[in-house]
């Protein structure tokens, strides 16, 4: 199976600053995702035009990406992150890599 890219877009609750949220994500990545089987990396992006965050993660296969999503809501380590996002704003895609070009 090929590498899987997970793309998640969301908004955060208004009471949390950008800097605070970046710290929350740093903790999430250091203490949760990086400990999971198949995790490769995460990017965090922000779109000022629509006040929306984007997380891009890479996993070694779809099973590991799906397992991480299930564990996300049943772990005390993820609680601060989960409480920081607006649940109705979350959109998620998991896509299998078909090719890579470095030209």
PDB file of N, CA and C in Angstrom:
ATOM      1  N   UNK A   1       0.841  -1.188   0.000  1.00  0.00           N
ATOM      2  CA  UNK A   1       0.000   0.000   0.000  1.00  0.00           C
ATOM      3  C   UNK A   1       0.882   1.245   0.000  1.00  0.00           C
ATOM      4  N   UNK A   2       0.446   2.310  -0.639  1.00  0.00           N
ATOM      5  CA  UNK A   2       1.205   3.547  -0.742  1.00  0.00           C
ATOM      6  C   UNK A   2       0.988   4.457   0.462  1.00  0.00           C
ATOM      7  N   UNK A   3       1.857   5.460   0.574  1.00  0.00           N
ATOM      8  CA  UNK A   3       1.717   6.477   1.619  1.00  0.00           C
ATOM      9  C   UNK A   3       0.335   7.131   1.504  1.00  0.00           C
ATOM     10  N   UNK A   4      -0.229   7.476   2.653  1.00  0.00           N
ATOM     11  CA  UNK A   4      -1.529   8.135   2.703  1.00  0.00           C
ATOM     12  C   UNK A   4      -1.343   9.551   3.233  1.00  0.00           C
ATOM     13  N   UNK A   5      -1.946  10.507   2.543  1.00  0.00           N
ATOM     14  CA  UNK A   5      -1.952  11.892   2.995  1.00  0.00           C
ATOM     15  C   UNK A   5      -3.336  12.195   3.545  1.00  0.00           C
ATOM     16  N   UNK A   6      -3.345  12.700   4.754  1.00  0.00           N
ATOM     17  CA  UNK A   6      -4.601  13.109   5.393  1.00  0.00           C
ATOM     18  C   UNK A   6      -4.623  14.631   5.417  1.00  0.00           C
ATOM     19  N   UNK A   7      -5.681  15.218   4.905  1.00  0.00           N
ATOM     20  CA  UNK A   7      -5.840  16.669   4.885  1.00  0.00           C
ATOM     21  C   UNK A   7      -7.080  17.014   5.704  1.00  0.00           C
ATOM     22  N   UNK A   8      -6.868  17.795   6.749  1.00  0.00           N
ATOM     23  CA  UNK A   8      -7.971  18.169   7.629  1.00  0.00           C
ATOM     24  C   UNK A   8      -8.042  19.697   7.681  1.00  0.00           C
ATOM     25  N   UNK A   9      -9.215  20.249   7.393  1.00  0.00           N
ATOM     26  CA  UNK A   9      -9.432  21.690   7.531  1.00  0.00           C
ATOM     27  C   UNK A   9     -10.423  21.923   8.662  1.00  0.00           C
ATOM     28  N   UNK A  10     -10.221  23.030   9.375  1.00  0.00           N
ATOM     29  CA  UNK A  10     -11.083  23.321  10.523  1.00  0.00           C
ATOM     30  C   UNK A  10     -10.858  24.746  10.993  1.00  0.00           C
ATOM     31  N   UNK A  11     -11.757  25.198  11.846  1.00  0.00           N
ATOM     32  CA  UNK A  11     -11.628  26.481  12.537  1.00  0.00           C
ATOM     33  C   UNK A  11     -11.462  26.179  14.024  1.00  0.00           C
ATOM     34  N   UNK A  12     -10.799  27.106  14.706  1.00  0.00           N
ATOM     35  CA  UNK A  12     -10.639  26.920  16.148  1.00  0.00           C
ATOM     36  C   UNK A  12     -11.612  27.833  16.892  1.00  0.00           C
ATOM     37  N   UNK A  13     -11.810  27.541  18.167  1.00  0.00           N
ATOM     38  CA  UNK A  13     -12.699  28.380  18.973  1.00  0.00           C
ATOM     39  C   UNK A  13     -12.086  29.775  19.078  1.00  0.00           C
ATOM     40  N   UNK A  14     -12.934  30.781  19.134  1.00  0.00           N
ATOM     41  CA  UNK A  14     -12.497  32.173  19.067  1.00  0.00           C
ATOM     42  C   UNK A  14     -11.606  32.603  20.224  1.00  0.00           C
ATOM     43  N   UNK A  15     -11.728  31.973  21.367  1.00  0.00           N
ATOM     44  CA  UNK A  15     -10.974  32.408  22.545  1.00  0.00           C
ATOM     45  C   UNK A  15      -9.501  31.977  22.524  1.00  0.00           C
ATOM     46  N   UNK A  16      -9.090  31.213  21.528  1.00  0.00           N
ATOM     47  CA  UNK A  16      -7.707  30.720  21.463  1.00  0.00           C
ATOM     48  C   UNK A  16      -6.939  31.494  20.395  1.00  0.00           C
ATOM     49  N   UNK A  17      -5.772  32.014  20.781  1.00  0.00           N
ATOM     50  CA  UNK A  17      -4.940  32.766  19.834  1.00  0.00           C
ATOM     51  C   UNK A  17      -4.196  31.795  18.907  1.00  0.00           C
ATOM     52  N   UNK A  18      -3.681  32.338  17.806  1.00  0.00           N
ATOM     53  CA  UNK A  18      -2.898  31.518  16.879  1.00  0.00           C
ATOM     54  C   UNK A  18      -1.690  30.903  17.584  1.00  0.00           C
ATOM     55  N   UNK A  19      -0.967  31.739  18.342  1.00  0.00           N
ATOM     56  CA  UNK A  19       0.228  31.239  19.033  1.00  0.00           C
ATOM     57  C   UNK A  19      -0.109  30.127  20.021  1.00  0.00           C
ATOM     58  N   UNK A  20      -1.178  30.301  20.755  1.00  0.00           N
ATOM     59  CA  UNK A  20      -1.610  29.275  21.718  1.00  0.00           C
ATOM     60  C   UNK A  20      -1.950  27.984  20.977  1.00  0.00           C
ATOM     61  N   UNK A  21      -2.648  28.108  19.854  1.00  0.00           N
ATOM     62  CA  UNK A  21      -3.047  26.915  19.120  1.00  0.00           C
ATOM     63  C   UNK A  21      -1.833  26.185  18.537  1.00  0.00           C
ATOM     64  N   UNK A  22      -0.861  26.923  18.044  1.00  0.00           N
ATOM     65  CA  UNK A  22       0.362  26.279  17.538  1.00  0.00           C
ATOM     66  C   UNK A  22       1.031  25.475  18.656  1.00  0.00           C
ATOM     67  N   UNK A  23       1.030  25.998  19.867  1.00  0.00           N
ATOM     68  CA  UNK A  23       1.564  25.269  21.014  1.00  0.00           C
ATOM     69  C   UNK A  23       0.768  24.011  21.321  1.00  0.00           C
ATOM     70  N   UNK A  24      -0.541  24.094  21.196  1.00  0.00           N
ATOM     71  CA  UNK A  24      -1.404  22.925  21.410  1.00  0.00           C
ATOM     72  C   UNK A  24      -1.089  21.842  20.380  1.00  0.00           C
ATOM     73  N   UNK A  25      -0.920  22.250  19.126  1.00  0.00           N
ATOM     74  CA  UNK A  25      -0.598  21.289  18.068  1.00  0.00           C
ATOM     75  C   UNK A  25       0.796  20.702  18.291  1.00  0.00           C
ATOM     76  N   UNK A  26       1.738  21.515  18.734  1.00  0.00           N
ATOM     77  CA  UNK A  26       3.079  21.006  19.023  1.00  0.00           C
ATOM     78  C   UNK A  26       3.011  19.887  20.070  1.00  0.00           C
ATOM     79  N   UNK A  27       2.235  20.109  21.096  1.00  0.00           N
ATOM     80  CA  UNK A  27       2.056  19.083  22.131  1.00  0.00           C
ATOM     81  C   UNK A  27       1.376  17.839  21.565  1.00  0.00           C
ATOM     82  N   UNK A  28       0.357  18.048  20.745  1.00  0.00           N
ATOM     83  CA  UNK A  28      -0.360  16.925  20.119  1.00  0.00           C
ATOM     84  C   UNK A  28       0.591  16.078  19.290  1.00  0.00           C
ATOM     85  N   UNK A  29       1.423  16.731  18.493  1.00  0.00           N
ATOM     86  CA  UNK A  29       2.339  15.993  17.620  1.00  0.00           C
ATOM     87  C   UNK A  29       3.436  15.297  18.420  1.00  0.00           C
ATOM     88  N   UNK A  30       3.979  15.969  19.429  1.00  0.00           N
ATOM     89  CA  UNK A  30       5.058  15.398  20.236  1.00  0.00           C
ATOM     90  C   UNK A  30       4.590  14.246  21.117  1.00  0.00           C
ATOM     91  N   UNK A  31       3.363  14.367  21.633  1.00  0.00           N
ATOM     92  CA  UNK A  31       2.894  13.410  22.640  1.00  0.00           C
ATOM     93  C   UNK A  31       1.852  12.419  22.150  1.00  0.00           C
ATOM     94  N   UNK A  32       1.362  12.597  20.926  1.00  0.00           N
ATOM     95  CA  UNK A  32       0.339  11.681  20.431  1.00  0.00           C
ATOM     96  C   UNK A  32       0.696  11.119  19.055  1.00  0.00           C
ATOM     97  N   UNK A  33       0.577  11.928  18.014  1.00  0.00           N
ATOM     98  CA  UNK A  33       0.783  11.404  16.660  1.00  0.00           C
ATOM     99  C   UNK A  33       2.148  10.756  16.467  1.00  0.00           C
ATOM    100  N   UNK A  34       3.193  11.402  16.955  1.00  0.00           N
ATOM    101  CA  UNK A  34       4.549  10.867  16.741  1.00  0.00           C
ATOM    102  C   UNK A  34       4.768   9.522  17.421  1.00  0.00           C
ATOM    103  N   UNK A  35       3.900   9.169  18.334  1.00  0.00           N
ATOM    104  CA  UNK A  35       4.012   7.892  19.056  1.00  0.00           C
ATOM    105  C   UNK A  35       3.237   6.762  18.367  1.00  0.00           C
ATOM    106  N   UNK A  36       2.454   7.092  17.355  1.00  0.00           N
ATOM    107  CA  UNK A  36       1.594   6.109  16.703  1.00  0.00           C
ATOM    108  C   UNK A  36       2.302   5.388  15.557  1.00  0.00           C
ATOM    109  N   UNK A  37       1.937   4.159  15.379  1.00  0.00           N
ATOM    110  CA  UNK A  37       2.499   3.342  14.306  1.00  0.00           C
ATOM    111  C   UNK A  37       2.150   3.925  12.945  1.00  0.00           C
ATOM    112  N   UNK A  38       3.150   4.043  12.086  1.00  0.00           N
ATOM    113  CA  UNK A  38       2.923   4.489  10.727  1.00  0.00           C
ATOM    114  C   UNK A  38       2.957   5.984  10.506  1.00  0.00           C
ATOM    115  N   UNK A  39       3.112   6.768  11.575  1.00  0.00           N
ATOM    116  CA  UNK A  39       3.154   8.224  11.441  1.00  0.00           C
ATOM    117  C   UNK A  39       4.440   8.654  10.750  1.00  0.00           C
ATOM    118  N   UNK A  40       4.321   9.573   9.780  1.00  0.00           N
ATOM    119  CA  UNK A  40       5.499  10.090   9.082  1.00  0.00           C
ATOM    120  C   UNK A  40       5.753  11.549   9.468  1.00  0.00           C
ATOM    121  N   UNK A  41       4.788  12.438   9.215  1.00  0.00           N
ATOM    122  CA  UNK A  41       4.973  13.842   9.571  1.00  0.00           C
ATOM    123  C   UNK A  41       3.648  14.602   9.516  1.00  0.00           C
ATOM    124  N   UNK A  42       3.706  15.847  10.031  1.00  0.00           N
ATOM    125  CA  UNK A  42       2.542  16.737  10.031  1.00  0.00           C
ATOM    126  C   UNK A  42       2.980  18.136   9.630  1.00  0.00           C
ATOM    127  N   UNK A  43       2.140  18.805   8.865  1.00  0.00           N
ATOM    128  CA  UNK A  43       2.303  20.228   8.566  1.00  0.00           C
ATOM    129  C   UNK A  43       1.063  20.936   9.092  1.00  0.00           C
ATOM    130  N   UNK A  44       1.264  22.134   9.615  1.00  0.00           N
ATOM    131  CA  UNK A  44       0.158  22.971  10.064  1.00  0.00           C
ATOM    132  C   UNK A  44       0.199  24.265   9.270  1.00  0.00           C
ATOM    133  N   UNK A  45      -0.935  24.614   8.682  1.00  0.00           N
ATOM    134  CA  UNK A  45      -1.041  25.812   7.845  1.00  0.00           C
ATOM    135  C   UNK A  45      -2.241  26.633   8.292  1.00  0.00           C
ATOM    136  N   UNK A  46      -2.210  27.921   7.955  1.00  0.00           N
ATOM    137  CA  UNK A  46      -3.340  28.788   8.289  1.00  0.00           C
ATOM    138  C   UNK A  46      -3.690  29.643   7.081  1.00  0.00           C
ATOM    139  N   UNK A  47      -4.981  29.692   6.751  1.00  0.00           N
ATOM    140  CA  UNK A  47      -5.479  30.500   5.651  1.00  0.00           C
ATOM    141  C   UNK A  47      -6.154  31.735   6.241  1.00  0.00           C
ATOM    142  N   UNK A  48      -5.435  32.871   6.210  1.00  0.00           N
ATOM    143  CA  UNK A  48      -5.970  34.128   6.770  1.00  0.00           C
ATOM    144  C   UNK A  48      -7.257  34.578   6.093  1.00  0.00           C
ATOM    145  N   UNK A  49      -7.382  34.307   4.805  1.00  0.00           N
ATOM    146  CA  UNK A  49      -8.533  34.808   4.044  1.00  0.00           C
ATOM    147  C   UNK A  49      -9.857  34.248   4.542  1.00  0.00           C
ATOM    148  N   UNK A  50      -9.842  33.009   5.027  1.00  0.00           N
ATOM    149  CA  UNK A  50     -11.083  32.387   5.500  1.00  0.00           C
ATOM    150  C   UNK A  50     -11.005  31.959   6.965  1.00  0.00           C
ATOM    151  N   UNK A  51      -9.912  32.370   7.647  1.00  0.00           N
ATOM    152  CA  UNK A  51      -9.728  32.054   9.066  1.00  0.00           C
ATOM    153  C   UNK A  51      -9.844  30.547   9.319  1.00  0.00           C
ATOM    154  N   UNK A  52      -9.129  29.779   8.506  1.00  0.00           N
ATOM    155  CA  UNK A  52      -9.229  28.314   8.564  1.00  0.00           C
ATOM    156  C   UNK A  52      -7.837  27.691   8.671  1.00  0.00           C
ATOM    157  N   UNK A  53      -7.735  26.662   9.472  1.00  0.00           N
ATOM    158  CA  UNK A  53      -6.503  25.909   9.662  1.00  0.00           C
ATOM    159  C   UNK A  53      -6.522  24.673   8.768  1.00  0.00           C
ATOM    160  N   UNK A  54      -5.328  24.246   8.380  1.00  0.00           N
ATOM    161  CA  UNK A  54      -5.174  23.030   7.591  1.00  0.00           C
ATOM    162  C   UNK A  54      -4.052  22.217   8.218  1.00  0.00           C
ATOM    163  N   UNK A  55      -4.336  20.949   8.494  1.00  0.00           N
ATOM    164  CA  UNK A  55      -3.300  20.011   8.933  1.00  0.00           C
ATOM    165  C   UNK A  55      -3.128  18.978   7.833  1.00  0.00           C
ATOM    166  N   UNK A  56      -1.880  18.759   7.463  1.00  0.00           N
ATOM    167  CA  UNK A  56      -1.556  17.745   6.467  1.00  0.00           C
ATOM    168  C   UNK A  56      -0.660  16.726   7.151  1.00  0.00           C
ATOM    169  N   UNK A  57      -1.097  15.486   7.144  1.00  0.00           N
ATOM    170  CA  UNK A  57      -0.316  14.413   7.765  1.00  0.00           C
ATOM    171  C   UNK A  57      -0.034  13.330   6.738  1.00  0.00           C
ATOM    172  N   UNK A  58       1.094  12.694   6.931  1.00  0.00           N
ATOM    173  CA  UNK A  58       1.458  11.551   6.091  1.00  0.00           C
ATOM    174  C   UNK A  58       1.586  10.314   6.975  1.00  0.00           C
ATOM    175  N   UNK A  59       1.042   9.233   6.463  1.00  0.00           N
ATOM    176  CA  UNK A  59       1.038   7.937   7.163  1.00  0.00           C
ATOM    177  C   UNK A  59       1.552   6.873   6.201  1.00  0.00           C
ATOM    178  N   UNK A  60       2.085   5.803   6.755  1.00  0.00           N
ATOM    179  CA  UNK A  60       2.640   4.765   5.876  1.00  0.00           C
ATOM    180  C   UNK A  60       1.576   3.901   5.223  1.00  0.00           C
ATOM    181  N   UNK A  61       0.338   3.947   5.733  1.00  0.00           N
ATOM    182  CA  UNK A  61      -0.762   3.234   5.068  1.00  0.00           C
ATOM    183  C   UNK A  61      -2.105   3.713   5.613  1.00  0.00           C
ATOM    184  N   UNK A  62      -3.159   3.344   4.927  1.00  0.00           N
ATOM    185  CA  UNK A  62      -4.507   3.788   5.283  1.00  0.00           C
ATOM    186  C   UNK A  62      -4.951   3.252   6.637  1.00  0.00           C
ATOM    187  N   UNK A  63      -4.611   2.019   6.955  1.00  0.00           N
ATOM    188  CA  UNK A  63      -5.013   1.441   8.242  1.00  0.00           C
ATOM    189  C   UNK A  63      -4.479   2.262   9.418  1.00  0.00           C
ATOM    190  N   UNK A  64      -3.212   2.668   9.344  1.00  0.00           N
ATOM    191  CA  UNK A  64      -2.635   3.464  10.424  1.00  0.00           C
ATOM    192  C   UNK A  64      -3.264   4.854  10.504  1.00  0.00           C
ATOM    193  N   UNK A  65      -3.568   5.450   9.366  1.00  0.00           N
ATOM    194  CA  UNK A  65      -4.233   6.757   9.368  1.00  0.00           C
ATOM    195  C   UNK A  65      -5.624   6.664   9.993  1.00  0.00           C
ATOM    196  N   UNK A  66      -6.363   5.633   9.646  1.00  0.00           N
ATOM    197  CA  UNK A  66      -7.711   5.457  10.198  1.00  0.00           C
ATOM    198  C   UNK A  66      -7.663   5.128  11.687  1.00  0.00           C
ATOM    199  N   UNK A  67      -6.694   4.335  12.091  1.00  0.00           N
ATOM    200  CA  UNK A  67      -6.536   3.999  13.507  1.00  0.00           C
ATOM    201  C   UNK A  67      -6.261   5.248  14.336  1.00  0.00           C
ATOM    202  N   UNK A  68      -5.413   6.124  13.820  1.00  0.00           N
ATOM    203  CA  UNK A  68      -5.098   7.366  14.532  1.00  0.00           C
ATOM    204  C   UNK A  68      -6.349   8.221  14.710  1.00  0.00           C
ATOM    205  N   UNK A  69      -7.170   8.305  13.688  1.00  0.00           N
ATOM    206  CA  UNK A  69      -8.405   9.095  13.771  1.00  0.00           C
ATOM    207  C   UNK A  69      -9.324   8.560  14.854  1.00  0.00           C
ATOM    208  N   UNK A  70      -9.422   7.249  14.967  1.00  0.00           N
ATOM    209  CA  UNK A  70     -10.279   6.639  15.992  1.00  0.00           C
ATOM    210  C   UNK A  70      -9.747   6.908  17.391  1.00  0.00           C
ATOM    211  N   UNK A  71      -8.426   6.848  17.550  1.00  0.00           N
ATOM    212  CA  UNK A  71      -7.801   7.055  18.866  1.00  0.00           C
ATOM    213  C   UNK A  71      -7.861   8.508  19.313  1.00  0.00           C
ATOM    214  N   UNK A  72      -8.008   9.405  18.374  1.00  0.00           N
ATOM    215  CA  UNK A  72      -7.971  10.841  18.643  1.00  0.00           C
ATOM    216  C   UNK A  72      -8.984  11.265  19.709  1.00  0.00           C
ATOM    217  N   UNK A  73     -10.136  10.649  19.734  1.00  0.00           N
ATOM    218  CA  UNK A  73     -11.200  11.093  20.625  1.00  0.00           C
ATOM    219  C   UNK A  73     -11.313  10.266  21.903  1.00  0.00           C
ATOM    220  N   UNK A  74     -10.367   9.356  22.115  1.00  0.00           N
ATOM    221  CA  UNK A  74     -10.396   8.505  23.309  1.00  0.00           C
ATOM    222  C   UNK A  74      -9.085   8.559  24.073  1.00  0.00           C
ATOM    223  N   UNK A  75      -8.396   9.702  24.028  1.00  0.00           N
ATOM    224  CA  UNK A  75      -7.085   9.787  24.657  1.00  0.00           C
ATOM    225  C   UNK A  75      -6.974  11.127  25.384  1.00  0.00           C
ATOM    226  N   UNK A  76      -6.588  11.121  26.650  1.00  0.00           N
ATOM    227  CA  UNK A  76      -6.477  12.372  27.396  1.00  0.00           C
ATOM    228  C   UNK A  76      -5.426  13.330  26.820  1.00  0.00           C
ATOM    229  N   UNK A  77      -4.440  12.813  26.123  1.00  0.00           N
ATOM    230  CA  UNK A  77      -3.385  13.635  25.531  1.00  0.00           C
ATOM    231  C   UNK A  77      -3.952  14.552  24.437  1.00  0.00           C
ATOM    232  N   UNK A  78      -5.021  14.128  23.789  1.00  0.00           N
ATOM    233  CA  UNK A  78      -5.590  14.896  22.678  1.00  0.00           C
ATOM    234  C   UNK A  78      -6.705  15.855  23.113  1.00  0.00           C
ATOM    235  N   UNK A  79      -7.064  15.805  24.366  1.00  0.00           N
ATOM    236  CA  UNK A  79      -8.237  16.541  24.849  1.00  0.00           C
ATOM    237  C   UNK A  79      -8.156  18.046  24.585  1.00  0.00           C
ATOM    238  N   UNK A  80      -7.020  18.670  24.842  1.00  0.00           N
ATOM    239  CA  UNK A  80      -6.904  20.118  24.640  1.00  0.00           C
ATOM    240  C   UNK A  80      -7.080  20.479  23.163  1.00  0.00           C
ATOM    241  N   UNK A  81      -6.503  19.672  22.277  1.00  0.00           N
ATOM    242  CA  UNK A  81      -6.664  19.907  20.843  1.00  0.00           C
ATOM    243  C   UNK A  81      -8.128  19.770  20.439  1.00  0.00           C
ATOM    244  N   UNK A  82      -8.753  18.690  20.845  1.00  0.00           N
ATOM    245  CA  UNK A  82     -10.152  18.428  20.476  1.00  0.00           C
ATOM    246  C   UNK A  82     -11.059  19.561  20.959  1.00  0.00           C
ATOM    247  N   UNK A  83     -10.817  20.069  22.144  1.00  0.00           N
ATOM    248  CA  UNK A  83     -11.642  21.154  22.686  1.00  0.00           C
ATOM    249  C   UNK A  83     -11.360  22.487  21.992  1.00  0.00           C
ATOM    250  N   UNK A  84     -10.238  22.583  21.298  1.00  0.00           N
ATOM    251  CA  UNK A  84      -9.839  23.829  20.642  1.00  0.00           C
ATOM    252  C   UNK A  84     -10.489  24.035  19.276  1.00  0.00           C
ATOM    253  N   UNK A  85     -10.985  22.964  18.683  1.00  0.00           N
ATOM    254  CA  UNK A  85     -11.528  23.085  17.331  1.00  0.00           C
ATOM    255  C   UNK A  85     -13.058  23.152  17.359  1.00  0.00           C
ATOM    256  N   UNK A  86     -13.602  23.811  16.350  1.00  0.00           N
ATOM    257  CA  UNK A  86     -15.055  23.879  16.199  1.00  0.00           C
ATOM    258  C   UNK A  86     -15.485  22.613  15.453  1.00  0.00           C
ATOM    259  N   UNK A  87     -16.161  21.681  16.120  1.00  0.00           N
ATOM    260  CA  UNK A  87     -16.472  20.384  15.518  1.00  0.00           C
ATOM    261  C   UNK A  87     -17.221  20.465  14.189  1.00  0.00           C
ATOM    262  N   UNK A  88     -18.129  21.413  14.056  1.00  0.00           N
ATOM    263  CA  UNK A  88     -18.919  21.503  12.822  1.00  0.00           C
ATOM    264  C   UNK A  88     -18.124  22.063  11.642  1.00  0.00           C
ATOM    265  N   UNK A  89     -16.897  22.511  11.889  1.00  0.00           N
ATOM    266  CA  UNK A  89     -16.076  23.074  10.814  1.00  0.00           C
ATOM    267  C   UNK A  89     -15.089  22.065  10.212  1.00  0.00           C
ATOM    268  N   UNK A  90     -15.002  20.885  10.799  1.00  0.00           N
ATOM    269  CA  UNK A  90     -13.982  19.910  10.401  1.00  0.00           C
ATOM    270  C   UNK A  90     -14.359  19.211   9.094  1.00  0.00           C
ATOM    271  N   UNK A  91     -13.387  19.217   8.168  1.00  0.00           N
ATOM    272  CA  UNK A  91     -13.509  18.459   6.915  1.00  0.00           C
ATOM    273  C   UNK A  91     -12.232  17.640   6.772  1.00  0.00           C
ATOM    274  N   UNK A  92     -12.378  16.363   6.430  1.00  0.00           N
ATOM    275  CA  UNK A  92     -11.228  15.471   6.396  1.00  0.00           C
ATOM    276  C   UNK A  92     -11.193  14.652   5.118  1.00  0.00           C
ATOM    277  N   UNK A  93     -10.002  14.541   4.561  1.00  0.00           N
ATOM    278  CA  UNK A  93      -9.753  13.673   3.403  1.00  0.00           C
ATOM    279  C   UNK A  93      -8.570  12.781   3.715  1.00  0.00           C
ATOM    280  N   UNK A  94      -8.649  11.528   3.312  1.00  0.00           N
ATOM    281  CA  UNK A  94      -7.514  10.607   3.368  1.00  0.00           C
ATOM    282  C   UNK A  94      -7.302  10.102   1.946  1.00  0.00           C
ATOM    283  N   UNK A  95      -6.125  10.374   1.400  1.00  0.00           N
ATOM    284  CA  UNK A  95      -5.856  10.089  -0.004  1.00  0.00           C
ATOM    285  C   UNK A  95      -4.593   9.257  -0.161  1.00  0.00           C
ATOM    286  N   UNK A  96      -4.658   8.229  -0.987  1.00  0.00           N
ATOM    287  CA  UNK A  96      -3.504   7.379  -1.244  1.00  0.00           C
ATOM    288  C   UNK A  96      -2.616   8.015  -2.316  1.00  0.00           C
ATOM    289  N   UNK A  97      -1.334   8.048  -2.043  1.00  0.00           N
ATOM    290  CA  UNK A  97      -0.360   8.631  -2.975  1.00  0.00           C
ATOM    291  C   UNK A  97      -0.201   7.733  -4.193  1.00  0.00           C
ATOM    292  N   UNK A  98      -0.290   8.336  -5.369  1.00  0.00           N
ATOM    293  CA  UNK A  98      -0.138   7.601  -6.613  1.00  0.00           C
ATOM    294  C   UNK A  98       1.186   7.881  -7.304  1.00  0.00           C
ATOM    295  N   UNK A  99       1.826   8.956  -6.954  1.00  0.00           N
ATOM    296  CA  UNK A  99       3.114   9.282  -7.563  1.00  0.00           C
ATOM    297  C   UNK A  99       3.747  10.481  -6.903  1.00  0.00           C
ATOM    298  N   UNK A 100       5.075  10.633  -7.087  1.00  0.00           N
ATOM    299  CA  UNK A 100       5.820  11.769  -6.573  1.00  0.00           C
ATOM    300  C   UNK A 100       6.794  12.208  -7.655  1.00  0.00           C
ATOM    301  N   UNK A 101       6.852  13.523  -7.906  1.00  0.00           N
ATOM    302  CA  UNK A 101       7.775  14.055  -8.895  1.00  0.00           C
ATOM    303  C   UNK A 101       8.609  15.141  -8.232  1.00  0.00           C
ATOM    304  N   UNK A 102       9.906  15.065  -8.370  1.00  0.00           N
ATOM    305  CA  UNK A 102      10.826  16.074  -7.842  1.00  0.00           C
ATOM    306  C   UNK A 102      11.650  16.635  -9.001  1.00  0.00           C
ATOM    307  N   UNK A 103      10.999  17.340  -9.896  1.00  0.00           N
ATOM    308  CA  UNK A 103      11.690  17.856 -11.082  1.00  0.00           C
ATOM    309  C   UNK A 103      11.800  19.357 -11.033  1.00  0.00           C
TER     310      UNK A 103
END
